[in-house]
C-alpha atoms as a PDB file:
ATOM      1  CA  MET A   1      -0.183   0.203  -0.189  1.00  0.00           C
ATOM      2  CA  LYS A   2       0.938   3.523  -0.705  1.00  0.00           C
ATOM      3  CA  ARG A   3       0.109   6.702   0.301  1.00  0.00           C
ATOM      4  CA  SER A   4       1.321  10.563  -0.728  1.00  0.00           C
ATOM      5  CA  PHE A   5       4.110  12.251   1.138  1.00  0.00           C
ATOM      6  CA  ARG A   6       2.117  15.869  -0.133  1.00  0.00           C
ATOM      7  CA  ASP A   7      -1.567  14.840   0.663  1.00  0.00           C
ATOM      8  CA  ALA A   8       0.308  14.086   4.215  1.00  0.00           C
ATOM      9  CA  LEU A   9       1.650  17.383   4.500  1.00  0.00           C
ATOM     10  CA  ARG A  10      -1.463  19.100   3.312  1.00  0.00           C
ATOM     11  CA  GLU A  11      -3.477  16.960   5.914  1.00  0.00           C
ATOM     12  CA  SER A  12      -0.555  17.540   8.546  1.00  0.00           C
ATOM     13  CA  LEU A  13      -0.614  21.445   8.260  1.00  0.00           C
ATOM     14  CA  LEU A  14      -4.194  22.058   8.732  1.00  0.00           C
ATOM     15  CA  ILE A  15      -4.026  19.838  11.873  1.00  0.00           C
ATOM     16  CA  LEU A  16      -0.991  21.585  13.165  1.00  0.00           C
ATOM     17  CA  GLY A  17      -2.318  24.544  11.857  1.00  0.00           C
ATOM     18  CA  GLN A  18      -5.023  24.364  14.875  1.00  0.00           C
ATOM     19  CA  GLU A  19      -2.148  23.249  17.370  1.00  0.00           C
ATOM     20  CA  TYR A  20       0.078  26.052  16.969  1.00  0.00           C
ATOM     21  CA  PRO A  21      -1.214  29.315  16.220  1.00  0.00           C
ATOM     22  CA  ALA A  22       1.909  30.497  16.023  1.00  0.00           C
ATOM     23  CA  MET A  23       2.813  28.632  12.747  1.00  0.00           C
ATOM     24  CA  VAL A  24       3.139  30.620   9.548  1.00  0.00           C
ATOM     25  CA  VAL A  25       3.654  29.323   6.086  1.00  0.00           C
ATOM     26  CA  VAL A  26       5.529  30.672   3.416  1.00  0.00           C
ATOM     27  CA  THR A  27       6.350  29.392   0.234  1.00  0.00           C
ATOM     28  CA  PRO A  28       7.900  30.665  -3.381  1.00  0.00           C
ATOM     29  CA  ASP A  29       4.720  30.138  -5.333  1.00  0.00           C
ATOM     30  CA  LEU A  30       4.377  26.720  -4.863  1.00  0.00           C
ATOM     31  CA  ALA A  31       1.268  25.948  -3.053  1.00  0.00           C
ATOM     32  CA  LYS A  32      -0.499  24.476  -5.859  1.00  0.00           C
ATOM     33  CA  SER A  33       2.334  21.833  -6.446  1.00  0.00           C
ATOM     34  CA  LEU A  34       2.623  21.381  -2.647  1.00  0.00           C
ATOM     35  CA  ARG A  35      -0.814  20.563  -2.602  1.00  0.00           C
ATOM     36  CA  ILE A  36      -1.205  22.768   0.553  1.00  0.00           C
ATOM     37  CA  THR A  37      -3.830  25.202  -1.015  1.00  0.00           C
ATOM     38  CA  ASP A  38      -6.486  24.026   1.865  1.00  0.00           C
ATOM     39  CA  PHE A  39      -3.947  25.726   4.533  1.00  0.00           C
ATOM     40  CA  LYS A  40      -4.202  28.962   3.071  1.00  0.00           C
ATOM     41  CA  GLN A  41      -8.181  29.046   2.608  1.00  0.00           C
ATOM     42  CA  THR A  42      -8.179  27.947   6.058  1.00  0.00           C
ATOM     43  CA  PHE A  43      -5.410  30.285   7.690  1.00  0.00           C
ATOM     44  CA  PRO A  44      -5.313  33.224   5.200  1.00  0.00           C
ATOM     45  CA  ASP A  45      -3.466  35.005   7.470  1.00  0.00           C
ATOM     46  CA  ARG A  46      -0.924  32.715   8.444  1.00  0.00           C
ATOM     47  CA  PHE A  47       0.037  31.811   4.830  1.00  0.00           C
ATOM     48  CA  ILE A  48       2.470  33.798   2.846  1.00  0.00           C
ATOM     49  CA  THR A  49       3.491  33.566  -0.762  1.00  0.00           C
ATOM     50  CA  VAL A  50       6.817  35.190  -1.865  1.00  0.00           C
ATOM     51  CA  GLY A  51       6.592  34.558  -5.883  1.00  0.00           C
ATOM     52  CA  VAL A  52       9.447  32.650  -7.412  1.00  0.00           C
ATOM     53  CA  SER A  53      11.892  34.223  -5.105  1.00  0.00           C
ATOM     54  CA  GLU A  54      13.333  31.319  -2.906  1.00  0.00           C
ATOM     55  CA  ALA A  55      15.742  33.526  -1.313  1.00  0.00           C
ATOM     56  CA  ASP A  56      12.843  36.169  -0.330  1.00  0.00           C
ATOM     57  CA  MET A  57      11.188  32.795   1.433  1.00  0.00           C
ATOM     58  CA  ILE A  58      14.198  32.401   3.710  1.00  0.00           C
ATOM     59  CA  GLY A  59      14.226  35.889   4.520  1.00  0.00           C
ATOM     60  CA  VAL A  60      10.580  36.220   4.998  1.00  0.00           C
ATOM     61  CA  ALA A  61      10.949  33.236   7.340  1.00  0.00           C
ATOM     62  CA  ALA A  62      13.718  34.514   9.648  1.00  0.00           C
ATOM     63  CA  GLY A  63      12.420  37.742   9.650  1.00  0.00           C
ATOM     64  CA  LEU A  64       9.185  36.293  10.911  1.00  0.00           C
ATOM     65  CA  ALA A  65      11.021  33.968  13.851  1.00  0.00           C
ATOM     66  CA  THR A  66      12.516  37.032  15.083  1.00  0.00           C
ATOM     67  CA  THR A  67       8.860  38.179  16.269  1.00  0.00           C
ATOM     68  CA  GLY A  68       7.968  34.877  17.894  1.00  0.00           C
ATOM     69  CA  LEU A  69       6.380  33.256  15.136  1.00  0.00           C
ATOM     70  CA  ILE A  70       7.205  29.649  13.686  1.00  0.00           C
ATOM     71  CA  PRO A  71       7.510  29.929   9.818  1.00  0.00           C
ATOM     72  CA  VAL A  72       7.161  27.116   8.059  1.00  0.00           C
ATOM     73  CA  ALA A  73       9.157  27.200   4.488  1.00  0.00           C
ATOM     74  CA  ALA A  74       7.885  25.229   1.950  1.00  0.00           C
ATOM     75  CA  ALA A  75       9.124  24.175  -1.332  1.00  0.00           C
ATOM     76  CA  PHE A  76      10.505  21.374  -3.419  1.00  0.00           C
ATOM     77  CA  ALA A  77      13.856  20.274  -2.097  1.00  0.00           C
ATOM     78  CA  MET A  78      15.968  21.481  -4.699  1.00  0.00           C
ATOM     79  CA  PHE A  79      14.574  25.404  -4.521  1.00  0.00           C
ATOM     80  CA  ALA A  80      14.481  24.913  -0.585  1.00  0.00           C
ATOM     81  CA  VAL A  81      17.861  24.379   0.085  1.00  0.00           C
ATOM     82  CA  GLU A  82      20.222  24.450  -2.913  1.00  0.00           C
ATOM     83  CA  LYS A  83      18.997  27.944  -4.364  1.00  0.00           C
ATOM     84  CA  PRO A  84      19.008  29.954  -1.561  1.00  0.00           C
ATOM     85  CA  PHE A  85      21.523  28.428   0.733  1.00  0.00           C
ATOM     86  CA  GLU A  86      23.454  31.639   1.058  1.00  0.00           C
ATOM     87  CA  GLN A  87      20.180  33.191   2.894  1.00  0.00           C
ATOM     88  CA  ILE A  88      19.672  29.834   5.125  1.00  0.00           C
ATOM     89  CA  ARG A  89      23.082  29.814   6.219  1.00  0.00           C
ATOM     90  CA  ASN A  90      23.419  33.603   7.099  1.00  0.00           C
ATOM     91  CA  ALA A  91      19.882  34.276   7.880  1.00  0.00           C
ATOM     92  CA  ILE A  92      18.515  31.153  10.110  1.00  0.00           C
ATOM     93  CA  ALA A  93      21.715  29.036  10.500  1.00  0.00           C
ATOM     94  CA  TYR A  94      23.992  31.705  12.333  1.00  0.00           C
ATOM     95  CA  PRO A  95      21.591  33.418  14.152  1.00  0.00           C
ATOM     96  CA  ASN A  96      19.556  30.133  15.351  1.00  0.00           C
ATOM     97  CA  LEU A  97      16.034  30.693  14.360  1.00  0.00           C
ATOM     98  CA  ASN A  98      13.210  28.861  14.831  1.00  0.00           C
ATOM     99  CA  VAL A  99      12.608  28.120  11.466  1.00  0.00           C
ATOM    100  CA  LYS A 100      11.393  25.186  10.092  1.00  0.00           C
ATOM    101  CA  ILE A 101      12.042  24.345   5.948  1.00  0.00           C
ATOM    102  CA  VAL A 102       9.685  21.733   4.944  1.00  0.00           C
ATOM    103  CA  ALA A 103      10.879  20.272   1.552  1.00  0.00           C
ATOM    104  CA  THR A 104       9.272  17.688  -0.509  1.00  0.00           C
ATOM    105  CA  HIS A 105      10.648  16.545  -3.962  1.00  0.00           C
ATOM    106  CA  GLY A 106      13.999  15.160  -2.451  1.00  0.00           C
ATOM    107  CA  GLY A 107      15.789  12.374  -3.969  1.00  0.00           C
ATOM    108  CA  ILE A 108      16.048  10.946  -7.400  1.00  0.00           C
ATOM    109  CA  GLY A 109      12.406   9.810  -7.086  1.00  0.00           C
ATOM    110  CA  VAL A 110      11.485  12.870  -8.257  1.00  0.00           C
ATOM    111  CA  GLY A 111      11.133  11.158 -11.594  1.00  0.00           C
ATOM    112  CA  PRO A 112      10.114  12.726 -14.401  1.00  0.00           C
ATOM    113  CA  ASP A 113      11.464  16.744 -13.631  1.00  0.00           C
ATOM    114  CA  GLY A 114      14.792  15.267 -14.452  1.00  0.00           C
ATOM    115  CA  ALA A 115      18.081  16.244 -13.319  1.00  0.00           C
ATOM    116  CA  THR A 116      17.819  20.414 -12.410  1.00  0.00           C
ATOM    117  CA  HIS A 117      14.785  19.160  -9.909  1.00  0.00           C
ATOM    118  CA  GLN A 118      16.390  16.312  -7.941  1.00  0.00           C
ATOM    119  CA  ALA A 119      17.497  17.177  -5.090  1.00  0.00           C
ATOM    120  CA  ILE A 120      20.387  14.437  -4.174  1.00  0.00           C
ATOM    121  CA  GLU A 121      22.620  16.683  -2.111  1.00  0.00           C
ATOM    122  CA  ASP A 122      20.614  18.575  -0.009  1.00  0.00           C
ATOM    123  CA  LEU A 123      21.526  16.259   3.273  1.00  0.00           C
ATOM    124  CA  ALA A 124      24.514  16.364   2.670  1.00  0.00           C
ATOM    125  CA  ILE A 125      24.474  19.975   2.533  1.00  0.00           C
ATOM    126  CA  MET A 126      22.509  20.868   5.171  1.00  0.00           C
ATOM    127  CA  ARG A 127      24.361  18.309   7.854  1.00  0.00           C
ATOM    128  CA  THR A 128      27.214  20.917   7.122  1.00  0.00           C
ATOM    129  CA  LEU A 129      25.080  23.796   8.588  1.00  0.00           C
ATOM    130  CA  PRO A 130      25.815  24.404  12.683  1.00  0.00           C
ATOM    131  CA  ASN A 131      22.406  24.793  14.933  1.00  0.00           C
ATOM    132  CA  PHE A 132      20.462  22.742  12.012  1.00  0.00           C
ATOM    133  CA  THR A 133      18.494  19.617  12.791  1.00  0.00           C
ATOM    134  CA  VAL A 134      18.029  17.449   9.489  1.00  0.00           C
ATOM    135  CA  LEU A 135      15.231  14.972   9.467  1.00  0.00           C
ATOM    136  CA  VAL A 136      14.024  12.357   6.891  1.00  0.00           C
ATOM    137  CA  ALA A 137      10.478  11.009   6.941  1.00  0.00           C
ATOM    138  CA  ALA A 138       9.943   7.509   5.509  1.00  0.00           C
ATOM    139  CA  ASP A 139       6.161   7.687   4.734  1.00  0.00           C
ATOM    140  CA  ALA A 140       2.982   9.329   5.141  1.00  0.00           C
ATOM    141  CA  CYS A 141       2.323   8.406   8.359  1.00  0.00           C
ATOM    142  CA  GLU A 142       5.926   9.749   9.810  1.00  0.00           C
ATOM    143  CA  THR A 143       5.385  12.854   7.669  1.00  0.00           C
ATOM    144  CA  LYS A 144       2.777  14.325  10.290  1.00  0.00           C
ATOM    145  CA  THR A 145       5.159  13.300  13.186  1.00  0.00           C
ATOM    146  CA  ALA A 146       7.932  14.044  11.904  1.00  0.00           C
ATOM    147  CA  LEU A 147       6.548  17.946  11.471  1.00  0.00           C
ATOM    148  CA  LYS A 148       5.028  18.149  14.602  1.00  0.00           C
ATOM    149  CA  ALA A 149       8.565  16.901  16.354  1.00  0.00           C
ATOM    150  CA  ALA A 150       9.950  19.832  14.433  1.00  0.00           C
ATOM    151  CA  LEU A 151       7.274  22.219  15.559  1.00  0.00           C
ATOM    152  CA  GLU A 152       8.274  21.691  18.878  1.00  0.00           C
ATOM    153  CA  HIS A 153      11.938  21.587  18.750  1.00  0.00           C
ATOM    154  CA  LYS A 154      13.211  25.116  19.682  1.00  0.00           C
ATOM    155  CA  GLY A 155      15.591  25.883  16.860  1.00  0.00           C
ATOM    156  CA  PRO A 156      16.362  25.716  12.770  1.00  0.00           C
ATOM    157  CA  VAL A 157      15.033  22.137  11.535  1.00  0.00           C
ATOM    158  CA  TYR A 158      15.363  20.977   7.913  1.00  0.00           C
ATOM    159  CA  LEU A 159      12.458  18.139   6.967  1.00  0.00           C
ATOM    160  CA  ARG A 160      13.056  16.253   3.872  1.00  0.00           C
ATOM    161  CA  LEU A 161       9.870  14.498   2.395  1.00  0.00           C
ATOM    162  CA  GLY A 162       9.163  12.773  -0.826  1.00  0.00           C
ATOM    163  CA  ARG A 163       7.389  14.011  -3.969  1.00  0.00           C
ATOM    164  CA  ASP A 164       4.627  11.671  -3.990  1.00  0.00           C
ATOM    165  CA  GLU A 165       3.264   8.357  -3.181  1.00  0.00           C
ATOM    166  CA  ALA A 166       5.465   5.750  -1.168  1.00  0.00           C
ATOM    167  CA  GLU A 167       5.351   2.479   0.517  1.00  0.00           C
ATOM    168  CA  VAL A 168       3.805   2.602   3.904  1.00  0.00           C
ATOM    169  CA  VAL A 169       5.904   1.747   6.695  1.00  0.00           C
ATOM    170  CA  TYR A 170       4.045   2.944   9.700  1.00  0.00           C
ATOM    171  CA  ARG A 171       0.560   2.105   9.450  1.00  0.00           C
ATOM    172  CA  GLU A 172      -0.349   4.139  12.862  1.00  0.00           C
ATOM    173  CA  GLU A 173       1.729   6.962  13.921  1.00  0.00           C
ATOM    174  CA  LYS A 174       4.509   6.327  16.098  1.00  0.00           C
ATOM    175  CA  ALA A 175       6.348   8.999  18.722  1.00  0.00           C
ATOM    176  CA  PHE A 176       9.055  10.917  16.780  1.00  0.00           C
ATOM    177  CA  ILE A 177      11.785  11.979  19.031  1.00  0.00           C
ATOM    178  CA  ILE A 178      15.051  14.151  17.512  1.00  0.00           C
ATOM    179  CA  GLY A 179      17.949  12.125  17.791  1.00  0.00           C
ATOM    180  CA  GLN A 180      16.441   8.503  18.447  1.00  0.00           C
ATOM    181  CA  ALA A 181      16.244   6.172  15.774  1.00  0.00           C
ATOM    182  CA  ASP A 182      13.526   3.576  14.948  1.00  0.00           C
ATOM    183  CA  LEU A 183      14.731  -0.095  15.180  1.00  0.00           C
ATOM    184  CA  LEU A 184      12.266  -1.618  12.905  1.00  0.00           C
ATOM    185  CA  THR A 185      13.414  -5.093  12.722  1.00  0.00           C
ATOM    186  CA  ASN A 186      16.164  -7.051  14.901  1.00  0.00           C
ATOM    187  CA  GLY A 187      18.982  -9.448  13.746  1.00  0.00           C
ATOM    188  CA  ASN A 188      22.210 -10.004  14.597  1.00  0.00           C
ATOM    189  CA  ASP A 189      24.154 -10.945  11.067  1.00  0.00           C
ATOM    190  CA  VAL A 190      23.745  -7.388   9.079  1.00  0.00           C
ATOM    191  CA  SER A 191      22.609  -4.041  10.020  1.00  0.00           C
ATOM    192  CA  ILE A 192      20.635  -1.937   7.617  1.00  0.00           C
ATOM    193  CA  VAL A 193      20.133   1.735   8.146  1.00  0.00           C
ATOM    194  CA  ALA A 194      18.007   3.598   5.739  1.00  0.00           C
ATOM    195  CA  CYS A 195      16.308   6.883   5.629  1.00  0.00           C
ATOM    196  CA  GLY A 196      13.629   8.115   3.713  1.00  0.00           C
ATOM    197  CA  THR A 197      11.489   6.098   0.722  1.00  0.00           C
ATOM    198  CA  MET A 198      14.394   3.851   1.052  1.00  0.00           C
ATOM    199  CA  VAL A 199      13.197   2.087   4.509  1.00  0.00           C
ATOM    200  CA  ALA A 200      10.745   0.609   2.736  1.00  0.00           C
ATOM    201  CA  LYS A 201      13.309  -1.547   0.508  1.00  0.00           C
ATOM    202  CA  ALA A 202      15.285  -1.860   3.656  1.00  0.00           C
ATOM    203  CA  LEU A 203      12.478  -3.992   4.860  1.00  0.00           C
ATOM    204  CA  GLN A 204      11.805  -5.827   2.024  1.00  0.00           C
ATOM    205  CA  ALA A 205      15.510  -6.536   1.655  1.00  0.00           C
ATOM    206  CA  ALA A 206      15.591  -7.870   5.349  1.00  0.00           C
ATOM    207  CA  GLU A 207      12.715 -10.179   4.119  1.00  0.00           C
ATOM    208  CA  GLU A 208      14.870 -11.715   1.131  1.00  0.00           C
ATOM    209  CA  LEU A 209      17.814 -12.068   3.433  1.00  0.00           C
ATOM    210  CA  ARG A 210      15.744 -14.018   6.069  1.00  0.00           C
ATOM    211  CA  LYS A 211      14.924 -16.698   3.087  1.00  0.00           C
ATOM    212  CA  VAL A 212      18.421 -17.618   3.235  1.00  0.00           C
ATOM    213  CA  ASN A 213      18.477 -17.942   7.053  1.00  0.00           C
ATOM    214  CA  LEU A 214      20.178 -14.605   7.701  1.00  0.00           C
ATOM    215  CA  LYS A 215      18.972 -11.769  10.449  1.00  0.00           C
ATOM    216  CA  ALA A 216      18.897  -8.107   9.186  1.00  0.00           C
ATOM    217  CA  ARG A 217      18.961  -5.417  11.688  1.00  0.00           C
ATOM    218  CA  VAL A 218      16.347  -2.682  10.091  1.00  0.00           C
ATOM    219  CA  ILE A 219      16.877   0.685  11.581  1.00  0.00           C
ATOM    220  CA  ASN A 220      14.988   3.704  10.131  1.00  0.00           C
ATOM    221  CA  MET A 221      17.471   6.447  10.640  1.00  0.00           C
ATOM    222  CA  HIS A 222      14.624   9.327  10.445  1.00  0.00           C
ATOM    223  CA  CYS A 223      17.294  12.376  12.025  1.00  0.00           C
ATOM    224  CA  LEU A 224      20.385  12.629  10.515  1.00  0.00           C
ATOM    225  CA  LYS A 225      21.643  15.041  12.566  1.00  0.00           C
ATOM    226  CA  PRO A 226      21.902  14.864  15.476  1.00  0.00           C
ATOM    227  CA  LEU A 227      22.684  11.482  14.912  1.00  0.00           C
ATOM    228  CA  ASP A 228      21.495   8.450  16.850  1.00  0.00           C
ATOM    229  CA  GLU A 229      25.162   7.298  17.905  1.00  0.00           C
ATOM    230  CA  ALA A 230      23.872   4.588  20.674  1.00  0.00           C
ATOM    231  CA  ILE A 231      21.673   2.582  18.087  1.00  0.00           C
ATOM    232  CA  LEU A 232      24.922   2.439  15.188  1.00  0.00           C
ATOM    233  CA  LEU A 233      27.061   1.794  18.071  1.00  0.00           C
ATOM    234  CA  GLN A 234      24.883  -1.029  19.553  1.00  0.00           C
ATOM    235  CA  ALA A 235      24.352  -2.343  15.853  1.00  0.00           C
ATOM    236  CA  ALA A 236      27.966  -2.025  14.630  1.00  0.00           C
ATOM    237  CA  GLU A 237      29.479  -4.068  17.978  1.00  0.00           C
ATOM    238  CA  GLU A 238      26.468  -6.591  17.481  1.00  0.00           C
ATOM    239  CA  THR A 239      26.179  -7.407  14.095  1.00  0.00           C
ATOM    240  CA  GLY A 240      29.945  -6.206  13.023  1.00  0.00           C
ATOM    241  CA  CYS A 241      28.882  -4.846   9.719  1.00  0.00           C
ATOM    242  CA  LEU A 242      25.900  -2.208   8.260  1.00  0.00           C
ATOM    243  CA  VAL A 243      24.511  -1.575   4.766  1.00  0.00           C
ATOM    244  CA  THR A 244      23.233   2.414   4.614  1.00  0.00           C
ATOM    245  CA  VAL A 245      20.522   2.824   2.460  1.00  0.00           C
ATOM    246  CA  GLU A 246      19.733   6.347   0.792  1.00  0.00           C
ATOM    247  CA  ASP A 247      17.825   8.210  -1.877  1.00  0.00           C
ATOM    248  CA  HIS A 248      21.016  10.479  -2.216  1.00  0.00           C
ATOM    249  CA  THR A 249      24.586  10.899  -3.383  1.00  0.00           C
ATOM    250  CA  ARG A 250      26.606   8.607  -1.866  1.00  0.00           C
ATOM    251  CA  ILE A 251      28.635  11.682  -0.504  1.00  0.00           C
ATOM    252  CA  GLY A 252      27.934  13.357   3.022  1.00  0.00           C
ATOM    253  CA  GLY A 253      24.070  11.704   3.579  1.00  0.00           C
ATOM    254  CA  LEU A 254      23.301   9.232   5.494  1.00  0.00           C
ATOM    255  CA  GLY A 255      26.446   6.719   4.675  1.00  0.00           C
ATOM    256  CA  GLY A 256      28.570   9.858   5.297  1.00  0.00           C
ATOM    257  CA  ALA A 257      27.232  10.445   8.730  1.00  0.00           C
ATOM    258  CA  VAL A 258      27.293   6.742   9.665  1.00  0.00           C
ATOM    259  CA  ALA A 259      31.017   6.209   7.977  1.00  0.00           C
ATOM    260  CA  GLU A 260      31.675   9.568  10.245  1.00  0.00           C
ATOM    261  CA  LEU A 261      30.815   7.970  13.247  1.00  0.00           C
ATOM    262  CA  LEU A 262      32.009   4.148  13.114  1.00  0.00           C
ATOM    263  CA  VAL A 263      35.421   5.534  11.601  1.00  0.00           C
ATOM    264  CA  ARG A 264      36.124   7.360  15.223  1.00  0.00           C
ATOM    265  CA  LYS A 265      34.253   5.172  17.946  1.00  0.00           C
ATOM    266  CA  CYS A 266      33.614   1.425  16.222  1.00  0.00           C
ATOM    267  CA  PRO A 267      35.397   0.911  13.200  1.00  0.00           C
ATOM    268  CA  VAL A 268      33.470  -2.176  11.181  1.00  0.00           C
ATOM    269  CA  PRO A 269      32.799  -2.822   7.185  1.00  0.00           C
ATOM    270  CA  VAL A 270      30.349  -0.569   5.905  1.00  0.00           C
ATOM    271  CA  GLU A 271      28.764  -0.880   2.144  1.00  0.00           C
ATOM    272  CA  GLN A 272      26.689   2.060   0.998  1.00  0.00           C
ATOM    273  CA  VAL A 273      23.634   1.962  -1.014  1.00  0.00           C
ATOM    274  CA  ALA A 274      23.292   5.305  -2.956  1.00  0.00           C
ATOM    275  CA  LEU A 275      23.978   7.419  -6.316  1.00  0.00           C
ATOM    276  CA  ASP A 276      27.280   7.432  -7.273  1.00  0.00           C
ATOM    277  CA  ASP A 277      28.825  10.686  -8.122  1.00  0.00           C
ATOM    278  CA  GLN A 278      26.501  11.876 -10.707  1.00  0.00           C
ATOM    279  CA  PHE A 279      23.963  13.484 -11.635  1.00  0.00           C
ATOM    280  CA  GLY A 280      20.445  11.676 -12.518  1.00  0.00           C
ATOM    281  CA  GLU A 281      18.003  11.798 -15.453  1.00  0.00           C
ATOM    282  CA  SER A 282      14.388  12.079 -16.648  1.00  0.00           C
ATOM    283  CA  GLY A 283      12.495   9.185 -16.249  1.00  0.00           C
ATOM    284  CA  GLU A 284       9.628   7.493 -14.182  1.00  0.00           C
ATOM    285  CA  ALA A 285      11.069   7.106 -10.360  1.00  0.00           C
ATOM    286  CA  GLU A 286      10.800   3.044 -10.488  1.00  0.00           C
ATOM    287  CA  ASP A 287      13.338   3.191 -13.609  1.00  0.00           C
ATOM    288  CA  LEU A 288      15.795   5.479 -12.041  1.00  0.00           C
ATOM    289  CA  PHE A 289      15.641   3.391  -8.782  1.00  0.00           C
ATOM    290  CA  GLN A 290      16.991   0.500 -11.151  1.00  0.00           C
ATOM    291  CA  LYS A 291      19.093   2.511 -13.274  1.00  0.00           C
ATOM    292  CA  TYR A 292      21.003   4.166 -10.192  1.00  0.00           C
ATOM    293  CA  GLY A 293      20.740   0.670  -8.249  1.00  0.00           C
ATOM    294  CA  LEU A 294      18.428   2.046  -5.415  1.00  0.00           C
ATOM    295  CA  THR A 295      16.611  -1.507  -5.278  1.00  0.00           C
ATOM    296  CA  VAL A 296      15.829  -4.622  -2.955  1.00  0.00           C
ATOM    297  CA  SER A 297      18.413  -6.686  -4.578  1.00  0.00           C
ATOM    298  CA  ARG A 298      21.775  -4.249  -4.699  1.00  0.00           C
ATOM    299  CA  ILE A 299      20.538  -3.720  -0.735  1.00  0.00           C
ATOM    300  CA  VAL A 300      20.738  -7.783  -0.430  1.00  0.00           C
ATOM    301  CA  SER A 301      23.650  -7.885  -2.767  1.00  0.00           C
ATOM    302  CA  ALA A 302      25.564  -5.020  -0.380  1.00  0.00           C
ATOM    303  CA  ALA A 303      24.218  -7.302   3.030  1.00  0.00           C
ATOM    304  CA  GLN A 304      26.145 -10.286   1.586  1.00  0.00           C
ATOM    305  CA  LYS A 305      29.102  -8.707   0.230  1.00  0.00           C
ATOM    306  CA  VAL A 306      29.822  -6.292   3.706  1.00  0.00           C
ATOM    307  CA  MET A 307      29.116  -9.890   5.561  1.00  0.00           C
ATOM    308  CA  LEU A 308      32.146 -11.568   4.117  1.00  0.00           C
ATOM    309  CA  ARG A 309      34.398  -8.314   4.908  1.00  0.00           C
ATOM    310  CA  LYS A 310      33.678  -8.479   8.394  1.00  0.00           C
ATOM    311  CA  SER A 311      35.210 -12.169   8.465  1.00  0.00           C
ATOM    312  CA  MET A 312      38.342 -11.073   6.513  1.00  0.00           C
END
């Protein structure tokens, strides 16, 4: 079963808009594409469109935050992060303002929009900014809990979502605790650490491994910063090897974050399932996942490969 990230965002904003009267949505003329026009109609005094000007979206959000409001700057990931990066760094991260950047269309799963719209570097970019918390929702249900957690957190947050429908990981809402990963399955042969839409594929890979009597531990690392070091170090010690899985370049994202930790505190073999150092292209999402190796079979292969490495 699949559900839409954008529909979940629309529903979440309407619910949380009632709960958080200080919340204001700012967008660069993308309300229709983001499917958040309902919020504009319900809360017209708390919805701002700045036109096709992402840098202004960030500047306006920063200004609102200085007055005590909680701005949610919403746009496609490419335009929410990579176009206005200077404003994010200097106007939000540096003064540590309470702004939430919510980005849909993360990763190569954007599909037909092509390489210019596929944000495959956003997690790496946002991880480098001091003060920022970086979250990635695995499905529609987690979109709701992650957004609520972002609003309750004091400080700047980047929340990455997918574009459209994704396989359901959570059938009911579960507490989203910033800095605490979610253990989905247990096993001591290999650990698979995934984020975003790839969590569902990680679970499918664990099922495939189970058919050959290999037990995989699957961790949804829905908070890349701060990283849940405790669960990763325990996984490294108890399984002796890890596979990281993400719809993102292999440089600086989830795999990079995990490797940075383990090389310092518990060196074990790690394999990455991610995009190589290359751009994507236009195509249907599943076709692109196949072409660039973001598949269940590749996760299984990576798990088998990394298990061989731990015995060397």
